[in-house]
Protein backbone atom coordinates (compact mmCIF):
# COMPACT_ATOMS: atom_id res chain seq x y z
CA MET A 1 -29.42 -96.23 150.96
CA ASN A 2 -27.40 -97.44 153.95
CA ILE A 3 -24.51 -99.46 152.53
CA LEU A 4 -22.10 -101.59 154.54
CA ILE A 5 -18.82 -102.51 152.83
CA ALA A 6 -17.35 -105.41 154.80
CA ASP A 7 -14.23 -106.03 152.70
CA LYS A 8 -11.53 -103.94 151.08
CA PHE A 9 -12.94 -101.72 148.36
CA PRO A 10 -11.23 -99.02 146.23
CA ALA A 11 -11.66 -95.62 147.87
CA HIS A 12 -12.52 -93.75 144.67
CA TRP A 13 -15.49 -96.07 144.04
CA THR A 14 -16.63 -95.61 147.65
CA ASP A 15 -16.56 -91.87 146.95
CA VAL A 16 -18.75 -92.42 143.87
CA LEU A 17 -21.37 -94.14 146.02
CA ALA A 18 -21.20 -91.39 148.64
CA LYS A 19 -21.67 -88.71 145.98
CA GLN A 20 -24.81 -90.55 144.83
CA GLY A 21 -26.24 -89.82 148.28
CA HIS A 22 -25.68 -93.18 149.95
CA LYS A 23 -24.56 -93.48 153.57
CA ILE A 24 -21.43 -95.61 153.52
CA THR A 25 -20.10 -97.67 156.43
CA TYR A 26 -16.68 -99.06 155.54
CA ASN A 27 -15.29 -101.77 157.82
CA PRO A 28 -13.14 -104.39 156.06
CA SER A 29 -12.13 -105.98 159.38
CA LEU A 30 -15.58 -107.51 159.92
CA ASP A 31 -16.01 -111.28 159.84
CA GLU A 32 -18.94 -113.67 160.16
CA THR A 33 -18.93 -113.33 163.95
CA THR A 34 -18.92 -109.52 164.09
CA LEU A 35 -20.96 -108.93 160.95
CA PRO A 36 -24.42 -109.70 162.45
CA ASN A 37 -24.24 -106.72 164.78
CA ALA A 38 -22.83 -104.44 162.08
CA VAL A 39 -25.39 -105.34 159.43
CA LYS A 40 -28.40 -104.14 161.44
CA ASP A 41 -30.24 -101.30 159.67
CA GLN A 42 -28.08 -101.72 156.55
CA GLU A 43 -29.95 -102.00 153.25
CA ILE A 44 -27.06 -103.14 151.05
CA LEU A 45 -24.14 -105.36 152.06
CA ILE A 46 -20.99 -105.61 149.95
CA VAL A 47 -18.56 -108.47 150.62
CA ARG A 48 -15.66 -110.15 148.91
CA SER A 49 -14.16 -112.93 151.05
CA THR A 50 -16.23 -112.31 154.18
CA LYS A 51 -18.72 -115.10 154.77
CA VAL A 52 -22.43 -114.31 154.94
CA PRO A 53 -24.17 -117.24 156.65
CA ALA A 54 -27.82 -117.40 157.68
CA SER A 55 -27.04 -115.74 161.01
CA VAL A 56 -25.83 -112.59 159.23
CA ILE A 57 -28.82 -112.56 156.89
CA ASP A 58 -31.25 -112.94 159.80
CA ALA A 59 -29.59 -110.02 161.60
CA GLY A 60 -29.99 -107.73 158.60
CA ASN A 61 -33.48 -106.46 159.37
CA ALA A 62 -33.39 -103.91 156.55
CA LEU A 63 -31.31 -105.87 154.03
CA LYS A 64 -32.54 -105.80 150.46
CA LEU A 65 -29.37 -106.62 148.53
CA ILE A 66 -26.12 -108.52 149.10
CA ILE A 67 -23.39 -108.04 146.52
CA ARG A 68 -20.46 -110.40 146.19
CA ALA A 69 -17.70 -108.18 144.78
CA GLY A 70 -16.36 -111.03 142.70
CA ALA A 71 -17.52 -113.96 140.59
CA GLY A 72 -18.53 -116.77 142.95
CA THR A 73 -21.17 -116.72 145.67
CA ASN A 74 -20.14 -119.80 147.66
CA THR A 75 -19.37 -117.65 150.73
CA ILE A 76 -23.00 -116.49 150.91
CA ASP A 77 -26.05 -118.49 151.97
CA VAL A 78 -27.82 -117.62 148.72
CA LYS A 79 -30.80 -119.88 149.34
CA HIS A 80 -31.54 -118.41 152.78
CA ALA A 81 -31.23 -114.89 151.40
CA GLY A 82 -33.79 -115.74 148.74
CA GLU A 83 -36.16 -117.13 151.34
CA LYS A 84 -35.89 -113.84 153.21
CA GLY A 85 -36.60 -111.85 150.04
CA ILE A 86 -33.05 -110.54 149.79
CA ALA A 87 -31.42 -110.39 146.36
CA VAL A 88 -27.87 -111.69 145.92
CA CYS A 89 -25.87 -110.37 142.98
CA ASN A 90 -22.30 -110.92 141.84
CA CYS A 91 -19.86 -109.51 139.28
CA PRO A 92 -19.26 -112.23 136.68
CA GLY A 93 -16.27 -112.00 134.38
CA THR A 94 -14.68 -108.97 135.99
CA ASN A 95 -11.65 -110.79 137.42
CA SER A 96 -11.29 -113.46 134.73
CA ILE A 97 -8.13 -112.08 133.17
CA ALA A 98 -6.38 -111.73 136.54
CA VAL A 99 -7.09 -115.35 137.50
CA ALA A 100 -6.08 -116.57 134.04
CA GLU A 101 -2.79 -114.69 134.31
CA LEU A 102 -2.01 -116.34 137.64
CA ALA A 103 -2.92 -119.80 136.32
CA MET A 104 -0.48 -119.31 133.46
CA GLY A 105 2.12 -117.97 135.87
CA LEU A 106 1.88 -121.09 138.03
CA LEU A 107 2.09 -123.29 134.94
CA LEU A 108 5.26 -121.57 133.74
CA ALA A 109 6.77 -121.53 137.23
CA LEU A 110 6.31 -125.28 137.64
CA ASP A 111 7.60 -126.17 134.20
CA ARG A 112 10.79 -124.15 134.73
CA ARG A 113 10.96 -124.73 138.51
CA ILE A 114 11.28 -121.00 139.11
CA TYR A 115 10.80 -121.23 142.88
CA HIS A 116 13.50 -123.88 143.24
CA ASN A 117 15.83 -121.87 140.99
CA THR A 118 15.33 -118.74 143.07
CA ASN A 119 15.59 -120.52 146.40
CA ASP A 120 18.94 -122.02 145.45
CA LEU A 121 20.25 -118.65 144.27
CA HIS A 122 19.20 -117.09 147.59
CA ASN A 123 21.21 -119.81 149.32
CA GLY A 124 24.28 -119.24 147.17
CA VAL A 125 23.83 -122.40 145.05
CA TRP A 126 24.47 -122.43 141.29
CA ASN A 127 22.95 -125.48 139.60
CA LYS A 128 22.52 -124.76 135.90
CA SER A 129 22.90 -128.40 134.90
CA GLU A 130 19.87 -129.37 137.02
CA TYR A 131 17.61 -126.44 136.23
CA GLY A 132 18.44 -126.54 132.55
CA LYS A 133 16.11 -129.54 132.36
CA ALA A 134 12.55 -128.55 131.45
CA ARG A 135 9.91 -129.94 129.12
CA GLY A 136 8.64 -126.61 127.82
CA LEU A 137 5.03 -125.69 127.05
CA PHE A 138 5.09 -125.35 123.26
CA GLY A 139 3.19 -128.20 121.62
CA ARG A 140 2.06 -129.64 124.96
CA THR A 141 -1.60 -130.32 125.66
CA LEU A 142 -3.36 -128.23 128.29
CA GLY A 143 -6.62 -129.55 129.67
CA ILE A 144 -9.08 -126.91 130.82
CA ILE A 145 -11.92 -128.11 133.03
CA GLY A 146 -14.56 -125.40 133.01
CA LEU A 147 -14.89 -123.12 129.98
CA GLY A 148 -16.53 -120.14 131.65
CA HIS A 149 -15.06 -116.64 131.58
CA ILE A 150 -11.80 -117.67 133.27
CA GLY A 151 -11.34 -120.93 131.37
CA GLN A 152 -11.73 -119.09 128.08
CA GLU A 153 -9.17 -116.46 129.08
CA VAL A 154 -6.72 -119.23 130.02
CA ALA A 155 -7.32 -120.88 126.64
CA LYS A 156 -6.45 -117.68 124.78
CA ARG A 157 -3.19 -117.29 126.68
CA ALA A 158 -2.20 -120.94 126.40
CA ALA A 159 -2.81 -120.81 122.65
CA ALA A 160 -0.40 -117.87 122.44
CA PHE A 161 2.24 -120.17 123.95
CA GLY A 162 1.59 -122.70 121.20
CA MET A 163 -0.16 -125.21 123.46
CA LYS A 164 -2.77 -127.66 122.20
CA LEU A 165 -6.09 -127.37 124.02
CA ALA A 166 -8.45 -130.00 125.36
CA ALA A 167 -11.43 -129.04 127.47
CA TYR A 168 -14.38 -130.30 129.49
CA ASP A 169 -17.53 -128.35 130.16
CA PRO A 170 -20.95 -130.00 129.82
CA PHE A 171 -22.66 -126.60 129.74
CA ALA A 172 -20.53 -124.93 127.07
CA LYS A 173 -21.70 -124.88 123.47
CA ASP A 174 -19.80 -126.59 120.66
CA GLU A 175 -19.24 -123.15 119.16
CA THR A 176 -17.24 -122.14 122.23
CA PHE A 177 -14.90 -125.11 121.86
CA ALA A 178 -14.55 -124.41 118.13
CA ALA A 179 -13.78 -120.73 118.67
CA LEU A 180 -10.98 -121.66 121.06
CA ASN A 181 -9.74 -124.52 118.87
CA ALA A 182 -10.15 -126.82 121.88
CA GLU A 183 -10.95 -130.52 121.54
CA ARG A 184 -14.08 -131.40 123.48
CA TYR A 185 -14.04 -134.18 126.08
CA ASN A 186 -17.12 -135.42 127.88
CA ASP A 187 -15.20 -137.39 130.50
CA ILE A 188 -12.71 -135.70 132.83
CA TYR A 189 -10.78 -138.94 133.34
CA LYS A 190 -10.20 -139.45 129.62
CA LEU A 191 -9.14 -135.82 129.38
CA ALA A 192 -6.71 -136.32 132.27
CA GLY A 193 -5.01 -139.15 130.43
CA VAL A 194 -4.10 -137.12 127.34
CA CYS A 195 -2.98 -133.85 128.94
CA ASP A 196 0.47 -132.66 129.95
CA ALA A 197 -1.10 -130.05 132.24
CA ILE A 198 -4.58 -129.46 133.63
CA THR A 199 -6.14 -126.32 135.04
CA ILE A 200 -9.54 -126.30 136.73
CA HIS A 201 -12.05 -123.46 136.67
CA LEU A 202 -15.27 -124.71 138.21
CA PRO A 203 -17.56 -123.28 140.90
CA GLU A 204 -17.90 -125.07 144.24
CA THR A 205 -21.12 -127.07 144.25
CA PRO A 206 -22.18 -130.35 145.90
CA GLU A 207 -21.33 -132.04 142.59
CA THR A 208 -17.84 -130.54 142.25
CA LYS A 209 -16.71 -130.70 145.87
CA GLY A 210 -13.90 -133.26 146.14
CA LEU A 211 -14.16 -134.04 142.41
CA PHE A 212 -10.40 -133.99 142.01
CA ASN A 213 -9.38 -136.96 144.09
CA LYS A 214 -7.35 -140.17 143.85
CA LYS A 215 -9.38 -141.44 140.90
CA PHE A 216 -8.65 -138.28 138.93
CA PHE A 217 -4.96 -138.06 139.84
CA ASP A 218 -4.53 -141.75 138.98
CA ALA A 219 -5.87 -140.92 135.51
CA MET A 220 -3.33 -138.13 134.95
CA LYS A 221 -0.04 -138.68 133.16
CA SER A 222 2.98 -139.18 135.37
CA GLY A 223 4.91 -135.93 135.66
CA SER A 224 2.08 -133.74 134.45
CA ILE A 225 1.03 -130.42 136.00
CA PHE A 226 -2.17 -129.66 137.94
CA ILE A 227 -3.35 -126.07 138.55
CA ASN A 228 -6.13 -125.00 140.91
CA ALA A 229 -6.96 -121.30 141.01
CA ALA A 230 -10.69 -121.95 141.45
CA ARG A 231 -11.89 -123.28 144.81
CA GLY A 232 -9.99 -125.25 147.43
CA ALA A 233 -12.86 -127.60 148.19
CA LEU A 234 -12.73 -129.03 144.66
CA VAL A 235 -9.55 -130.94 145.54
CA VAL A 236 -8.93 -133.69 148.09
CA THR A 237 -5.61 -132.42 149.46
CA ALA A 238 -4.32 -135.75 150.77
CA ASP A 239 -4.89 -137.40 147.38
CA LEU A 240 -3.09 -134.58 145.56
CA VAL A 241 -0.12 -134.74 147.94
CA ASP A 242 0.09 -138.50 147.40
CA ALA A 243 0.12 -137.99 143.62
CA VAL A 244 2.86 -135.38 143.90
CA LYS A 245 5.00 -137.63 146.05
CA ASN A 246 4.44 -140.91 144.24
CA LYS A 247 3.50 -140.06 140.67
CA GLY A 248 5.67 -137.04 139.96
CA ILE A 249 2.68 -134.72 139.54
CA LYS A 250 3.51 -131.02 139.93
CA ALA A 251 0.83 -128.77 141.40
CA GLY A 252 0.23 -125.03 141.47
CA LEU A 253 -2.36 -123.88 144.00
CA ASP A 254 -3.90 -120.52 144.78
CA VAL A 255 -6.72 -121.97 146.90
CA TYR A 256 -6.81 -124.64 149.58
CA GLU A 257 -9.16 -127.17 151.07
CA ASN A 258 -8.41 -125.94 154.60
CA GLU A 259 -7.80 -122.29 153.87
CA PRO A 260 -7.18 -119.72 156.62
CA LYS A 261 -9.59 -116.86 157.07
CA ALA A 262 -8.67 -113.59 155.39
CA ALA A 263 -7.54 -112.06 158.70
CA ASP A 264 -5.34 -115.02 159.71
CA LYS A 265 -1.57 -114.65 159.56
CA THR A 266 -0.51 -118.30 159.68
CA PHE A 267 -0.94 -121.26 157.33
CA ASP A 268 -0.71 -124.95 158.22
CA TYR A 269 1.77 -126.20 155.63
CA THR A 270 2.17 -129.59 157.31
CA GLN A 271 -0.53 -130.95 154.99
CA PHE A 272 1.97 -130.55 152.12
CA LYS A 273 5.05 -131.77 153.97
CA GLY A 274 7.40 -133.67 151.70
CA ALA A 275 5.64 -132.56 148.51
CA GLU A 276 8.23 -130.09 147.26
CA ASN A 277 6.71 -129.81 143.79
CA ILE A 278 3.64 -128.01 145.08
CA TYR A 279 3.88 -124.29 144.43
CA GLY A 280 1.41 -122.04 146.21
CA THR A 281 0.13 -118.50 146.34
CA HIS A 282 -2.12 -116.81 148.90
CA HIS A 283 -5.54 -116.88 147.17
CA ILE A 284 -4.56 -113.83 145.14
CA GLY A 285 -5.94 -114.86 141.76
CA ALA A 286 -8.32 -111.93 141.50
CA SER A 287 -6.12 -109.51 143.40
CA THR A 288 -4.71 -107.22 140.75
CA ASP A 289 -5.42 -103.49 140.66
CA GLN A 290 -7.08 -103.94 137.27
CA ALA A 291 -9.38 -106.70 138.49
CA GLN A 292 -10.35 -105.00 141.74
CA ASP A 293 -11.20 -101.79 139.92
CA ALA A 294 -13.38 -103.71 137.44
CA VAL A 295 -15.16 -105.54 140.28
CA ALA A 296 -15.80 -102.29 142.16
CA GLN A 297 -17.11 -100.62 139.01
CA CYS A 298 -19.50 -103.54 138.50
CA THR A 299 -20.63 -103.31 142.13
CA VAL A 300 -21.41 -99.61 141.74
CA LYS A 301 -23.27 -100.38 138.52
CA ILE A 302 -25.48 -102.91 140.35
CA ILE A 303 -26.30 -100.40 143.08
CA THR A 304 -26.93 -97.56 140.62
CA GLU A 305 -29.34 -99.68 138.58
CA TYR A 306 -31.13 -100.94 141.67
CA THR A 307 -31.68 -97.47 143.15
CA ALA A 308 -32.79 -96.10 139.77
CA SER A 309 -35.12 -98.86 138.59
CA GLY A 310 -35.43 -101.49 141.31
CA LYS A 311 -33.83 -104.05 139.01
CA PHE A 312 -31.08 -106.39 140.23
CA LEU A 313 -28.26 -106.86 137.70
CA TYR A 314 -26.50 -110.25 137.77
CA ARG A 315 -28.89 -111.66 140.36
CA VAL A 316 -28.15 -115.29 141.27
CA ASN A 317 -31.21 -116.13 143.41
């Protein structure tokens, strides 16, 4: 099989594919504008953050399989691929722990104002009386919106901190809530009103895009914490900034509504100007060595099964 890897991929797993007899083209610098030319004659395309619109799919004359080396598939035109007879597969659950760890890290950082502490120390300022003020997480209520693989991993870690759990997920079974000792809510606005912190773990769909807006932030408690390590498009940035400035909400973000491309080196922070209680990371939720190795292993498993039996593991279309 001719395989094009258009994102970073662990070298030892690339070697595994090569030893299976596949012809590997590795070019992580490709983007949606250069990918159409590169994908010609390739039978399998592996991507992570690189977008795969209809133009790329149409250019792939020999394409049979597109693998998203991660959980979501929102960067791929899945419907168009299906119409062209091309399978799209992903690697569900492989990076759940990594994202959950970052969500908890942001939660802790905001509660104890770790960035502000560190920034003052770097500037020679000692302010123990100010930074000694923190609510603490023990006994607080964490709202988890989305109880998939990641949401469940967050719940386990929050429980270890002694937090109470409330959750919303219309697709999760009652047994899942019971196993996590999480109180079930069927209305995100009612959930928002009882929680001291909220973390969201939903896919980007037409129904979830912009779901977290002024109405939702108005329903949150003043001074509570909001974490988004899912998808930037779920949140209306201007409404979040307003809530941070005027309602005392603290926010931890790993993803952004207007996010730069992977190859970009600058970020427009003016959208958050004046909202000092927004902490941010660089869309790194799944970027641990452990997670990337698990994702690559899953990717190789998909290819191995396909070449051996013609079956597509974890197909989404």
